[in-house]
Amino acid sequence: MTEIVLMSDPKVAAVPVQECGERLVDVQREGSLLVDERKREDSAGAFVYLRAGVLDRLVQAQARLPRGVRLLFVEGYRPPPLQRRYFDRYADRLRAEHPEWSAEQLRSAASRFVSPPEIAPHSAGAAVDLTLTDADGHELDMGTRVNASPEESAGACYTGADNIGEPARAHRNILGTALTAVGLVNYPTEWWHWSYGDRYWALETGSAAAHYGPTALD
């Protein structure tokens, strides 16, 4: 497996942000994407927002999928306080399981599953968690559930994991082909996490700067 750059890597934080000021838009208003409700209560409805440019690319990706396959939008924008809560909760769990780890080891391990709040793509409205469904809205086999941790899934949450079945591998390839074609990049520890315009995207694509930084939902 290719070496993975984690969100905690200093190279990610070192990417400058040239905020373009693009607005956050409600994915539901566009109308062509299936929207899952599992994050509504946690984020008080903020999860359905994305930067307009990211949403445009998702609509293009939907059109590239095979007949009878659809994107299922799970989560987009994540308010910074919620991102901090997710990160701290997971880091606390790891700390309890590995009391011998240093602060840096904890930060690195936690960033496999939750981005450090100060650089989190979700809090910039630049990242989206997605899966695939059939034409009737039934989720396809992707090898793990969305948001499965590395511990829970024995590493099968990694996009390139080899401990998943062939149907799941094929479905991940379908998802990745459509999203890569419209300019999104994947976070390799989470098959469901894709982004455009954030620092991680800029680093992975060789762009001079990120288009989107942390933002607030008005």
Protein backbone atom coordinates (compact mmCIF):
# COMPACT_ATOMS: atom_id res chain seq x y z
CA MET A 1 0.00 0.00 0.00
CA THR A 2 1.25 3.48 -0.88
CA GLU A 3 2.42 5.50 2.12
CA ILE A 4 -0.47 7.50 3.51
CA VAL A 5 -0.16 11.16 4.44
CA LEU A 6 -2.31 11.66 7.53
CA MET A 7 -4.23 14.84 8.31
CA SER A 8 -1.92 15.41 11.28
CA ASP A 9 1.15 15.61 9.03
CA PRO A 10 2.75 19.10 9.26
CA LYS A 11 2.77 19.21 5.46
CA VAL A 12 -1.02 19.53 5.50
CA ALA A 13 -1.10 22.41 7.99
CA ALA A 14 1.67 24.14 6.02
CA VAL A 15 -0.51 24.52 2.93
CA PRO A 16 -1.66 28.15 2.69
CA VAL A 17 -5.33 29.02 2.34
CA GLN A 18 -6.47 31.60 -0.19
CA GLU A 19 -10.11 31.75 0.83
CA CYS A 20 -12.28 32.31 -2.23
CA GLY A 21 -15.39 33.24 -0.25
CA GLU A 22 -17.63 30.73 -2.00
CA ARG A 23 -20.88 30.22 -0.13
CA LEU A 24 -22.14 27.15 1.66
CA VAL A 25 -25.26 25.77 -0.03
CA ASP A 26 -27.93 23.30 1.04
CA VAL A 27 -27.46 20.02 -0.81
CA GLN A 28 -31.18 19.27 -0.50
CA ARG A 29 -32.12 22.31 -2.56
CA GLU A 30 -30.20 20.98 -5.56
CA GLY A 31 -32.45 17.95 -5.50
CA SER A 32 -30.56 15.27 -7.43
CA LEU A 33 -28.66 13.63 -4.55
CA LEU A 34 -30.01 11.17 -2.03
CA VAL A 35 -29.46 12.56 1.48
CA ASP A 36 -29.08 10.31 4.52
CA GLU A 37 -30.40 11.60 7.85
CA ARG A 38 -27.95 9.96 10.26
CA LYS A 39 -26.05 13.20 11.04
CA ARG A 40 -28.97 15.63 11.33
CA GLU A 41 -29.36 15.53 15.10
CA ASP A 42 -25.62 15.70 15.79
CA SER A 43 -25.06 18.79 13.66
CA ALA A 44 -28.45 20.50 14.04
CA GLY A 45 -28.88 20.19 10.28
CA ALA A 46 -25.53 21.74 9.30
CA PHE A 47 -24.47 18.44 7.72
CA VAL A 48 -26.47 19.11 4.54
CA TYR A 49 -24.32 22.11 3.56
CA LEU A 50 -21.29 22.17 1.24
CA ARG A 51 -19.36 24.76 -0.69
CA ALA A 52 -21.13 25.37 -3.99
CA GLY A 53 -18.18 24.15 -6.04
CA VAL A 54 -18.05 20.84 -4.19
CA LEU A 55 -21.76 20.26 -4.69
CA ASP A 56 -21.44 21.01 -8.41
CA ARG A 57 -18.79 18.29 -8.65
CA LEU A 58 -20.94 15.77 -6.81
CA VAL A 59 -23.75 16.34 -9.28
CA GLN A 60 -21.28 15.73 -12.11
CA ALA A 61 -20.03 12.57 -10.37
CA GLN A 62 -23.59 11.29 -9.99
CA ALA A 63 -24.00 11.54 -13.76
CA ARG A 64 -20.90 9.38 -14.27
CA LEU A 65 -22.15 6.44 -12.21
CA PRO A 66 -23.44 3.27 -13.89
CA ARG A 67 -27.17 3.04 -14.49
CA GLY A 68 -28.99 2.02 -11.32
CA VAL A 69 -26.27 3.28 -8.94
CA ARG A 70 -26.64 6.47 -6.91
CA LEU A 71 -24.59 8.54 -4.50
CA LEU A 72 -25.84 8.70 -0.93
CA PHE A 73 -24.78 11.92 0.79
CA VAL A 74 -24.07 11.26 4.48
CA GLU A 75 -22.31 14.38 5.80
CA GLY A 76 -20.86 17.60 4.45
CA TYR A 77 -20.21 20.67 6.59
CA ARG A 78 -19.27 20.07 10.21
CA PRO A 79 -19.22 23.08 12.59
CA PRO A 80 -15.80 23.52 14.26
CA PRO A 81 -17.12 22.82 17.80
CA LEU A 82 -18.57 19.51 16.61
CA GLN A 83 -15.30 18.63 14.88
CA ARG A 84 -13.44 19.34 18.13
CA ARG A 85 -15.86 17.14 20.05
CA TYR A 86 -15.40 14.25 17.63
CA PHE A 87 -11.61 14.56 17.68
CA ASP A 88 -11.32 14.84 21.46
CA ARG A 89 -13.68 11.93 22.07
CA TYR A 90 -11.74 9.62 19.78
CA ALA A 91 -8.36 10.79 21.13
CA ASP A 92 -9.59 10.16 24.69
CA ARG A 93 -10.57 6.64 23.73
CA LEU A 94 -7.15 5.97 22.21
CA ARG A 95 -5.44 7.49 25.25
CA ALA A 96 -7.29 5.10 27.53
CA GLU A 97 -6.33 2.14 25.35
CA HIS A 98 -2.70 3.24 24.89
CA PRO A 99 -1.56 5.18 27.99
CA GLU A 100 2.06 4.76 26.88
CA TRP A 101 1.58 6.84 23.72
CA SER A 102 2.98 10.36 23.50
CA ALA A 103 0.79 13.35 22.65
CA GLU A 104 2.12 13.27 19.08
CA GLN A 105 1.39 9.57 18.71
CA LEU A 106 -2.16 10.16 19.92
CA ARG A 107 -2.68 13.05 17.53
CA SER A 108 -1.37 11.03 14.61
CA ALA A 109 -3.43 7.95 15.44
CA ALA A 110 -6.58 10.00 16.02
CA SER A 111 -6.16 11.72 12.66
CA ARG A 112 -6.64 8.41 10.85
CA PHE A 113 -10.31 8.69 11.74
CA VAL A 114 -11.03 12.32 12.74
CA SER A 115 -9.17 15.32 11.34
CA PRO A 116 -7.50 17.73 13.77
CA PRO A 117 -10.02 20.58 14.15
CA GLU A 118 -7.72 23.35 12.92
CA ILE A 119 -7.32 21.81 9.45
CA ALA A 120 -10.49 19.71 9.14
CA PRO A 121 -11.88 19.66 5.58
CA HIS A 122 -15.44 19.17 6.85
CA SER A 123 -15.26 22.45 8.79
CA ALA A 124 -14.28 24.22 5.57
CA GLY A 125 -17.35 22.85 3.80
CA ALA A 126 -14.93 21.12 1.45
CA ALA A 127 -15.38 17.47 2.43
CA VAL A 128 -18.20 15.01 2.02
CA ASP A 129 -18.86 11.53 3.36
CA LEU A 130 -20.54 9.38 0.72
CA THR A 131 -21.57 5.86 -0.12
CA LEU A 132 -23.45 4.16 -2.94
CA THR A 133 -26.98 2.80 -3.22
CA ASP A 134 -28.98 0.92 -5.80
CA ALA A 135 -31.84 2.59 -7.66
CA ASP A 136 -34.17 1.94 -4.71
CA GLY A 137 -31.88 3.60 -2.17
CA HIS A 138 -30.50 0.43 -0.59
CA GLU A 139 -26.85 0.81 0.38
CA LEU A 140 -24.37 -1.29 -1.57
CA ASP A 141 -21.68 -3.45 0.03
CA MET A 142 -18.63 -1.23 0.56
CA GLY A 143 -16.77 -3.54 2.93
CA THR A 144 -17.58 -1.57 6.10
CA ARG A 145 -20.23 0.80 7.25
CA VAL A 146 -19.65 4.52 6.75
CA ASN A 147 -17.61 5.91 9.68
CA ALA A 148 -16.25 2.54 10.79
CA SER A 149 -13.11 3.13 12.84
CA PRO A 150 -9.79 1.39 12.10
CA GLU A 151 -10.19 -0.59 15.32
CA GLU A 152 -13.77 -1.66 14.65
CA SER A 153 -13.07 -2.68 11.05
CA ALA A 154 -9.59 -4.20 11.51
CA GLY A 155 -8.37 -1.64 8.99
CA ALA A 156 -11.00 -2.45 6.36
CA CYS A 157 -12.06 1.22 6.46
CA TYR A 158 -8.84 2.05 4.59
CA THR A 159 -9.70 2.64 0.93
CA GLY A 160 -7.07 0.22 -0.31
CA ALA A 161 -7.68 -2.45 2.34
CA ASP A 162 -7.19 -6.02 1.19
CA ASN A 163 -9.50 -7.59 3.79
CA ILE A 164 -12.76 -6.85 1.94
CA GLY A 165 -14.67 -8.91 -0.60
CA GLU A 166 -14.68 -8.48 -4.36
CA PRO A 167 -18.15 -6.87 -4.52
CA ALA A 168 -17.04 -4.22 -1.99
CA ARG A 169 -13.80 -3.64 -3.89
CA ALA A 170 -15.74 -3.16 -7.13
CA HIS A 171 -18.13 -0.71 -5.49
CA ARG A 172 -15.26 1.31 -3.99
CA ASN A 173 -13.70 1.47 -7.44
CA ILE A 174 -16.96 2.74 -8.95
CA LEU A 175 -17.21 5.45 -6.28
CA GLY A 176 -13.56 6.43 -6.63
CA THR A 177 -13.62 6.56 -10.42
CA ALA A 178 -16.60 8.91 -10.50
CA LEU A 179 -15.32 11.26 -7.79
CA THR A 180 -11.72 11.37 -9.00
CA ALA A 181 -12.93 12.24 -12.50
CA VAL A 182 -14.53 15.45 -11.20
CA GLY A 183 -11.51 16.52 -9.17
CA LEU A 184 -12.14 15.23 -5.65
CA VAL A 185 -9.48 13.43 -3.60
CA ASN A 186 -9.91 10.65 -1.08
CA TYR A 187 -8.54 10.43 2.45
CA PRO A 188 -7.05 6.92 2.23
CA THR A 189 -7.94 5.86 5.78
CA GLU A 190 -11.65 6.43 5.08
CA TRP A 191 -13.10 5.10 1.83
CA TRP A 192 -16.18 7.33 2.25
CA HIS A 193 -14.33 10.68 2.76
CA TRP A 194 -13.73 12.83 -0.32
CA SER A 195 -12.87 16.51 -0.63
CA TYR A 196 -12.15 19.37 -2.99
CA GLY A 197 -10.49 22.73 -2.38
CA ASP A 198 -9.18 22.11 1.16
CA ARG A 199 -5.58 21.84 2.37
CA TYR A 200 -5.42 18.06 2.01
CA TRP A 201 -6.75 18.33 -1.55
CA ALA A 202 -4.16 21.00 -2.34
CA LEU A 203 -1.32 18.87 -1.01
CA GLU A 204 -2.47 15.78 -2.90
CA THR A 205 -2.97 17.63 -6.19
CA GLY A 206 0.11 19.85 -5.99
CA SER A 207 -1.96 23.05 -5.86
CA ALA A 208 -0.23 26.14 -4.48
CA ALA A 209 -3.00 26.88 -1.98
CA ALA A 210 -6.34 25.68 -0.68
CA HIS A 211 -9.47 27.47 -1.90
CA TYR A 212 -11.46 26.91 1.29
CA GLY A 213 -10.59 27.40 4.95
CA PRO A 214 -12.67 26.90 8.11
CA THR A 215 -15.95 28.74 7.88
CA ALA A 216 -19.14 29.37 9.81
CA LEU A 217 -22.67 28.61 8.71
CA ASP A 218 -24.67 31.83 8.80
